[in-house]
Protein backbone atom coordinates (compact mmCIF):
# COMPACT_ATOMS: atom_id res chain seq x y z
CA MET A 1 -74.90 -183.09 16.14
CA THR A 2 -74.08 -181.48 19.48
CA GLY A 3 -71.55 -178.65 19.53
CA SER A 4 -69.87 -177.28 16.42
CA ILE A 5 -66.98 -178.34 14.21
CA VAL A 6 -64.46 -175.50 14.41
CA HIS A 7 -61.57 -176.96 12.41
CA GLU A 8 -60.69 -179.85 10.11
CA LEU A 9 -57.42 -181.12 8.71
CA GLY A 10 -58.25 -183.37 5.80
CA PRO A 11 -55.93 -185.54 3.72
CA GLY A 12 -54.38 -184.22 0.53
CA PRO A 13 -51.50 -184.77 -1.91
CA GLY A 14 -48.30 -185.47 0.01
CA ASN A 15 -50.32 -185.47 3.24
CA PRO A 16 -52.55 -188.57 3.11
CA ARG A 17 -53.41 -188.53 6.80
CA ASN A 18 -53.72 -186.07 9.68
CA SER A 19 -54.21 -187.98 12.87
CA GLU A 20 -54.45 -188.10 16.68
CA GLY A 21 -53.04 -185.28 18.83
CA ALA A 22 -53.28 -183.34 22.11
CA PHE A 23 -54.06 -179.85 23.46
CA ILE A 24 -52.28 -177.65 26.00
CA ARG A 25 -52.46 -174.00 27.06
CA ALA A 26 -49.33 -171.88 26.69
CA GLY A 27 -49.77 -168.27 27.81
CA ASP A 28 -52.80 -166.78 26.07
CA GLN A 29 -52.91 -169.49 23.40
CA ILE A 30 -54.09 -173.08 23.13
CA LEU A 31 -51.72 -175.36 21.24
CA PHE A 32 -52.76 -178.51 19.42
CA CYS A 33 -50.03 -180.89 18.24
CA TYR A 34 -50.82 -183.81 15.93
CA SER A 35 -49.36 -186.35 13.50
CA ALA A 36 -49.13 -185.23 9.85
CA PHE A 37 -48.23 -188.05 7.46
CA ILE A 38 -45.90 -186.90 4.70
CA SER A 39 -45.41 -189.81 2.28
CA GLU A 40 -47.91 -191.36 -0.10
CA SER A 41 -48.96 -193.93 2.51
CA ASP A 42 -51.45 -193.54 5.36
CA ASN A 43 -50.27 -196.69 7.19
CA ASP A 44 -49.33 -196.36 10.86
CA HIS A 45 -45.69 -197.07 10.06
CA ALA A 46 -45.44 -194.52 7.21
CA ALA A 47 -43.39 -191.35 7.55
CA ALA A 48 -45.02 -188.61 9.65
CA ASP A 49 -44.03 -185.35 11.32
CA ILE A 50 -45.46 -183.63 14.40
CA ARG A 51 -47.16 -180.31 13.61
CA VAL A 52 -48.78 -177.61 15.74
CA ILE A 53 -51.70 -175.23 15.26
CA ARG A 54 -52.63 -172.42 17.67
CA SER A 55 -55.77 -170.71 18.87
CA GLY A 56 -56.05 -167.40 20.71
CA ASP A 57 -59.83 -167.45 21.11
CA GLN A 58 -60.57 -170.57 23.19
CA GLY A 59 -60.43 -172.90 20.21
CA GLN A 60 -62.88 -171.15 17.91
CA THR A 61 -60.32 -170.43 15.16
CA TRP A 62 -56.91 -171.96 14.41
CA SER A 63 -53.65 -170.94 12.77
CA ALA A 64 -51.93 -172.62 9.83
CA PRO A 65 -49.85 -175.69 10.76
CA GLN A 66 -46.15 -175.50 11.57
CA THR A 67 -43.79 -178.45 11.97
CA VAL A 68 -42.51 -179.11 15.49
CA THR A 69 -40.33 -182.17 14.95
CA ARG A 70 -39.57 -184.32 11.94
CA CYS A 71 -39.42 -188.03 11.36
CA ARG A 72 -35.99 -187.67 9.80
CA ASP A 73 -34.67 -185.99 12.98
CA HIS A 74 -34.87 -189.43 14.62
CA GLN A 75 -33.90 -191.41 11.51
CA ALA A 76 -37.15 -193.25 12.15
CA MET A 77 -39.85 -194.98 10.15
CA ASN A 78 -42.49 -192.87 11.85
CA ILE A 79 -43.27 -190.54 14.77
CA MET A 80 -46.80 -190.13 16.13
CA SER A 81 -49.21 -190.32 19.12
CA VAL A 82 -48.66 -186.97 20.85
CA SER A 83 -49.27 -186.14 24.51
CA LEU A 84 -48.69 -182.67 25.99
CA LEU A 85 -48.04 -181.91 29.65
CA ASP A 86 -47.25 -178.86 31.77
CA LEU A 87 -43.80 -179.18 33.37
CA SER A 88 -42.24 -177.13 36.16
CA GLY A 89 -40.92 -173.66 35.40
CA GLY A 90 -43.59 -172.99 32.78
CA ARG A 91 -42.16 -175.52 30.36
CA VAL A 92 -44.29 -177.51 27.91
CA GLY A 93 -43.56 -181.21 27.57
CA LEU A 94 -44.10 -182.85 24.17
CA PHE A 95 -44.29 -186.66 24.35
CA TYR A 96 -44.42 -188.79 21.19
CA LEU A 97 -43.65 -192.27 19.92
CA VAL A 98 -40.65 -192.94 17.69
CA ARG A 99 -40.90 -196.09 15.57
CA ARG A 100 -37.36 -196.96 14.52
CA THR A 101 -37.89 -200.59 13.52
CA TRP A 102 -40.54 -203.28 13.84
CA ARG A 103 -38.99 -204.17 17.21
CA ASP A 104 -38.22 -200.68 18.54
CA MET A 105 -40.95 -198.15 19.25
CA ARG A 106 -40.60 -196.06 22.38
CA MET A 107 -41.68 -192.71 23.81
CA TRP A 108 -39.51 -189.60 23.70
CA LEU A 109 -39.86 -186.19 25.36
CA ARG A 110 -38.93 -182.70 24.18
CA GLU A 111 -39.38 -179.55 26.26
CA SER A 112 -40.20 -175.99 25.27
CA PRO A 113 -39.46 -172.97 27.52
CA ASP A 114 -41.38 -170.50 25.34
CA GLY A 115 -44.84 -171.86 24.63
CA GLY A 116 -43.86 -174.26 21.87
CA TYR A 117 -41.87 -171.91 19.63
CA THR A 118 -38.52 -173.61 20.32
CA TRP A 119 -37.81 -177.11 21.59
CA GLY A 120 -34.90 -178.79 23.37
CA GLU A 121 -33.23 -182.06 22.49
CA ALA A 122 -35.34 -185.21 22.62
CA ARG A 123 -34.70 -187.72 25.39
CA LEU A 124 -35.94 -191.26 25.85
CA CYS A 125 -38.70 -192.03 28.38
CA MET A 126 -38.53 -195.83 28.26
CA PRO A 127 -35.37 -197.36 29.74
CA ARG A 128 -35.56 -200.77 28.05
CA ASP A 129 -35.86 -201.94 24.46
CA GLY A 130 -39.27 -202.93 23.18
CA TYR A 131 -42.17 -202.15 20.93
CA PHE A 132 -44.59 -200.03 22.99
CA VAL A 133 -47.83 -198.37 21.94
CA VAL A 134 -48.92 -195.26 23.87
CA ASN A 135 -52.05 -193.54 22.62
CA ASN A 136 -52.27 -189.81 22.09
CA ASP A 137 -53.19 -187.70 25.13
CA ARG A 138 -52.44 -190.58 27.53
CA VAL A 139 -49.52 -189.19 29.58
CA VAL A 140 -50.90 -188.01 32.94
CA ARG A 141 -49.63 -186.21 36.02
CA LEU A 142 -50.88 -187.58 39.33
CA SER A 143 -51.74 -185.38 42.32
CA CYS A 144 -48.46 -186.48 43.96
CA GLY A 145 -46.53 -185.00 41.02
CA ARG A 146 -45.62 -188.31 39.38
CA ILE A 147 -45.76 -188.46 35.58
CA LEU A 148 -47.25 -191.75 34.41
CA VAL A 149 -47.13 -193.26 30.91
CA PRO A 150 -49.47 -196.23 30.26
CA ALA A 151 -48.15 -198.44 27.46
CA ALA A 152 -49.07 -201.64 25.64
CA GLU A 153 -46.12 -203.85 24.76
CA HIS A 154 -46.30 -205.90 21.57
CA VAL A 155 -43.73 -208.67 21.07
CA PRO A 156 -42.93 -209.53 17.41
CA THR A 157 -43.43 -213.22 16.76
CA PHE A 158 -42.66 -213.72 13.06
CA HIS A 159 -42.58 -211.71 9.84
CA GLY A 160 -45.54 -211.52 7.52
CA GLU A 161 -45.38 -210.13 4.00
CA ASP A 162 -44.39 -206.61 5.03
CA ARG A 163 -44.38 -206.52 8.84
CA PRO A 164 -44.17 -208.85 11.84
CA HIS A 165 -47.08 -210.47 13.56
CA TYR A 166 -47.30 -209.57 17.25
CA SER A 167 -48.36 -211.49 20.32
CA PRO A 168 -51.39 -210.20 22.30
CA ALA A 169 -50.49 -206.99 24.09
CA THR A 170 -49.64 -206.66 27.75
CA SER A 171 -50.03 -203.33 29.54
CA THR A 172 -47.17 -201.80 31.51
CA PHE A 173 -46.47 -198.42 33.12
CA PHE A 174 -43.50 -196.05 33.08
CA PHE A 175 -42.95 -193.35 35.72
CA SER A 176 -40.96 -190.22 36.32
CA ASP A 177 -40.82 -188.55 39.75
CA ASP A 178 -38.40 -185.79 38.68
CA GLU A 179 -40.23 -183.91 35.92
CA GLY A 180 -39.21 -186.31 33.16
CA GLN A 181 -35.48 -186.24 33.85
CA SER A 182 -35.32 -189.97 34.66
CA TRP A 183 -37.68 -192.87 34.09
CA ARG A 184 -38.35 -196.36 35.37
CA GLU A 185 -40.84 -199.10 34.59
CA GLY A 186 -43.27 -200.24 37.28
CA PRO A 187 -43.25 -203.84 38.47
CA ALA A 188 -46.80 -204.62 37.31
CA LEU A 189 -47.42 -206.24 33.94
CA LEU A 190 -51.10 -206.69 33.04
CA ALA A 191 -52.38 -209.43 30.75
CA LEU A 192 -55.72 -211.01 29.93
CA GLY A 193 -56.17 -214.36 31.59
CA GLY A 194 -58.72 -217.10 31.02
CA VAL A 195 -60.06 -215.69 27.74
CA ARG A 196 -59.16 -216.17 24.10
CA SER A 197 -58.03 -212.81 22.72
CA ALA A 198 -55.90 -211.84 19.72
CA THR A 199 -55.46 -208.25 20.93
CA GLY A 200 -54.74 -208.60 24.63
CA LEU A 201 -54.82 -205.31 26.55
CA GLN A 202 -54.20 -202.61 23.96
CA GLU A 203 -54.04 -198.81 24.18
CA PRO A 204 -54.35 -198.43 27.98
CA GLY A 205 -55.40 -195.20 29.65
CA VAL A 206 -55.48 -193.94 33.26
CA VAL A 207 -57.42 -191.35 35.25
CA GLU A 208 -56.94 -190.48 38.94
CA LEU A 209 -60.04 -190.82 41.13
CA ALA A 210 -61.02 -188.51 44.01
CA ASP A 211 -59.62 -190.88 46.66
CA GLY A 212 -56.18 -190.93 45.00
CA SER A 213 -56.58 -194.38 43.47
CA LEU A 214 -56.13 -194.87 39.74
CA TYR A 215 -58.66 -196.24 37.29
CA GLY A 216 -57.22 -197.82 34.17
CA TRP A 217 -58.74 -199.28 31.03
CA ALA A 218 -57.61 -200.93 27.79
CA ARG A 219 -59.30 -201.90 24.55
CA THR A 220 -59.79 -205.56 23.65
CA ASP A 221 -61.42 -207.70 20.96
CA LEU A 222 -63.92 -209.02 23.51
CA SER A 223 -66.62 -206.37 22.76
CA ARG A 224 -65.65 -204.45 25.91
CA GLN A 225 -63.00 -202.24 27.38
CA TYR A 226 -61.31 -204.06 30.28
CA GLN A 227 -60.62 -202.20 33.54
CA PHE A 228 -58.15 -202.34 36.45
CA LYS A 229 -57.38 -200.20 39.52
CA SER A 230 -54.32 -199.20 41.51
CA ALA A 231 -54.08 -198.00 45.12
CA SER A 232 -50.29 -197.55 44.88
CA ARG A 233 -49.85 -194.71 42.35
CA GLY A 234 -49.60 -197.23 39.52
CA GLU A 235 -47.02 -199.56 41.04
CA ASN A 236 -49.47 -202.48 41.29
CA TRP A 237 -52.84 -203.13 39.71
CA SER A 238 -55.91 -205.29 40.19
CA MET A 239 -56.76 -208.09 37.78
CA PRO A 240 -58.17 -206.80 34.45
CA LEU A 241 -61.92 -207.43 34.24
CA PRO A 242 -64.72 -206.37 31.86
CA SER A 243 -65.72 -202.70 32.28
CA PRO A 244 -69.10 -201.00 31.81
CA PHE A 245 -67.94 -199.71 28.40
CA SER A 246 -68.91 -201.90 25.44
CA SER A 247 -66.90 -201.25 22.28
CA PRO A 248 -65.35 -202.73 19.17
CA VAL A 249 -61.53 -202.76 18.96
CA SER A 250 -61.43 -199.02 19.55
CA PRO A 251 -60.05 -196.73 22.27
CA LEU A 252 -61.87 -195.10 25.17
CA SER A 253 -60.92 -191.59 26.34
CA MET A 254 -61.65 -190.20 29.80
CA LYS A 255 -60.75 -186.96 31.60
CA ARG A 256 -61.79 -185.13 34.76
CA LEU A 257 -63.48 -181.77 34.23
CA ALA A 258 -62.78 -178.73 36.42
CA ASP A 259 -66.09 -179.24 38.25
CA GLY A 260 -65.02 -182.75 39.30
CA ARG A 261 -67.11 -184.76 36.85
CA LEU A 262 -65.60 -187.52 34.70
CA LEU A 263 -66.17 -187.21 30.95
CA ALA A 264 -65.85 -190.38 28.87
CA LEU A 265 -65.95 -190.72 25.07
CA TRP A 266 -66.05 -193.99 23.16
CA ASN A 267 -67.71 -196.09 20.45
CA PRO A 268 -70.36 -198.07 22.31
CA VAL A 269 -71.36 -200.65 19.71
CA PRO A 270 -69.57 -203.99 20.11
CA ASP A 271 -68.83 -206.51 17.38
CA TYR A 272 -71.69 -208.76 16.34
CA PRO A 273 -72.11 -211.01 13.29
CA THR A 274 -74.77 -209.01 11.41
CA ARG A 275 -73.26 -205.56 11.89
CA ARG A 276 -72.14 -203.80 8.69
CA TYR A 277 -68.49 -202.78 8.71
CA PRO A 278 -67.51 -200.33 5.96
CA PRO A 279 -63.93 -200.97 4.80
CA ARG A 280 -61.27 -199.44 7.06
CA SER A 281 -63.73 -198.07 9.61
CA GLY A 282 -63.39 -200.76 12.28
CA GLY A 283 -66.99 -200.22 13.36
CA ARG A 284 -66.00 -196.99 15.09
CA SER A 285 -69.35 -195.25 14.89
CA PRO A 286 -71.21 -193.74 16.69
CA LEU A 287 -69.04 -191.61 18.98
CA ILE A 288 -70.79 -190.84 22.26
CA ALA A 289 -70.08 -188.97 25.49
CA ALA A 290 -71.18 -189.79 29.04
CA VAL A 291 -70.66 -187.96 32.34
CA SER A 292 -70.27 -189.18 35.92
CA ALA A 293 -70.57 -186.98 39.01
CA ASP A 294 -69.53 -189.75 41.45
CA ASP A 295 -66.24 -191.06 40.06
CA GLY A 296 -67.79 -193.52 37.67
CA GLN A 297 -70.35 -195.24 39.87
CA HIS A 298 -73.23 -193.80 37.84
CA TRP A 299 -73.27 -192.26 34.36
CA THR A 300 -75.58 -189.88 32.51
CA GLY A 301 -75.97 -189.80 28.73
CA PRO A 302 -75.38 -190.84 26.10
CA LEU A 303 -74.71 -187.63 24.21
CA VAL A 304 -74.27 -188.59 20.55
CA LEU A 305 -71.47 -186.58 18.92
CA GLU A 306 -71.12 -188.39 15.58
CA ASP A 307 -73.05 -191.25 14.00
CA ASP A 308 -72.34 -191.57 10.26
CA PRO A 309 -72.08 -195.35 9.69
CA ASP A 310 -69.67 -194.82 6.76
CA SER A 311 -67.20 -192.95 8.98
CA GLY A 312 -65.13 -193.79 12.01
CA TYR A 313 -64.50 -191.61 15.06
CA CYS A 314 -61.67 -192.43 17.46
CA TYR A 315 -58.48 -191.37 19.29
CA THR A 316 -60.20 -188.48 21.01
CA THR A 317 -58.38 -185.88 23.06
CA ILE A 318 -60.33 -183.87 25.63
CA TYR A 319 -59.46 -180.34 26.74
CA GLU A 320 -61.57 -177.91 28.77
CA ALA A 321 -61.44 -174.32 27.47
CA GLY A 322 -63.57 -171.73 29.24
CA ASP A 323 -67.24 -172.60 28.89
CA ALA A 324 -66.59 -175.43 26.44
CA VAL A 325 -64.72 -178.68 25.93
CA LEU A 326 -62.50 -179.06 22.87
CA LEU A 327 -62.57 -182.54 21.36
CA ALA A 328 -60.12 -183.53 18.62
CA TYR A 329 -60.48 -186.92 16.99
CA CYS A 330 -60.04 -188.91 13.80
CA ALA A 331 -63.19 -188.54 11.70
CA GLY A 332 -62.54 -190.04 8.29
CA ASN A 333 -65.27 -191.07 5.87
CA VAL A 334 -64.13 -194.25 4.12
CA GLN A 335 -65.58 -193.22 0.74
CA ARG A 336 -64.05 -189.74 0.76
CA ASP A 337 -60.92 -190.17 2.90
CA VAL A 338 -60.02 -193.87 2.27
CA ALA A 339 -59.84 -194.66 6.01
CA CYS A 340 -61.40 -193.43 9.23
CA LEU A 341 -58.01 -192.33 10.62
CA ASN A 342 -57.13 -189.91 7.82
CA ARG A 343 -59.18 -186.81 8.70
CA LEU A 344 -58.67 -184.85 11.92
CA ARG A 345 -61.61 -182.92 13.36
CA ILE A 346 -61.85 -180.42 16.23
CA ARG A 347 -65.28 -180.01 17.82
CA ARG A 348 -66.19 -177.36 20.39
CA LEU A 349 -68.77 -178.69 22.84
CA PRO A 350 -70.44 -176.25 25.27
CA LEU A 351 -70.21 -177.51 28.84
CA ARG A 352 -73.94 -176.90 29.26
CA ALA A 353 -74.55 -179.72 26.76
CA LEU A 354 -73.31 -182.15 29.44
CA ASP A 355 -75.90 -181.02 32.00
CA GLY A 356 -79.24 -182.71 32.59
CA LEU A 357 -78.51 -185.88 30.63
CA PRO A 358 -80.62 -188.95 31.51
CA GLY A 359 -79.18 -191.77 33.58
CA MET A 360 -77.63 -194.71 31.74
CA ALA A 361 -78.10 -198.38 32.51
CA MET A 362 -74.41 -198.99 33.17
CA TYR A 363 -72.81 -200.54 36.23
CA GLY A 364 -70.08 -198.56 37.99
CA ILE A 365 -66.37 -198.69 37.26
CA GLY A 366 -63.98 -200.55 39.51
């Protein structure tokens, strides 16, 4: 496979799952915060803490984990799905979801003035009640300074054996224009129309394009990511339509590199009747990368990063570090790790590996 695996956090006794996280630079170190599950269960709603590991050599080696914040601090069922963001005054912002009940899951923010060694009190980022999913590494800062949080709202409909059923997701957006001190929800609410979907628009993400417009995407059960655009800093959005990115019910990740190119990572194989699905993998293999030098109108690739059919690769975070890109993602083998979400892998990919890739037969975004 391309690049090298530099670190893994596998499941173990009392820690059945290590899952999705985010990178940030603090001084001469790179921090990586992630969800460490601490009960006997690896379910999304099981107890988890947020932990941090550190690297002082551009992600080649990593320290032992330390706990940043605990589930019990919030008297919550679970905390997970970390994003990290630089805030003014050299502060680090730690965003994460707090699942209090089956009807209450919202994003909170803690700040560190000293590179993640100490943290202030947590404050809520979502001003109304609801059950919102925000993927890891999804909180973005726009060129105007606005902090944007893309979220999928799930409305409980009725209780099953151990949890509610939820209606198809709608995507909504929360903003802060004062460095996370206050928050509001945008007026736009995005839903799938004219199609039969059990998922709706789940796990949305956003990247800013060169002209200042925003490109957004969300996973669906329609064998494709759906896409939408905003020319108003996320206040209003176009109608969601199928994107160039085929996929099972699995997230897409996209970031802009320092040289201006867009880097996208996703599972390209959609659902089809004869495809083999190992238990608890969700069809999330292979994991591929593609690059665009013209804001998504043309793509080069694919660069295959992982392709074991008995494993799943998803919830990728992307971070550029010197002459390489650090990629952290779930990489569980269902025979060894029980589920594809239970093992966390960090891969170091040289930037040169993204050069000279062949063109792909994909139509442009937007």
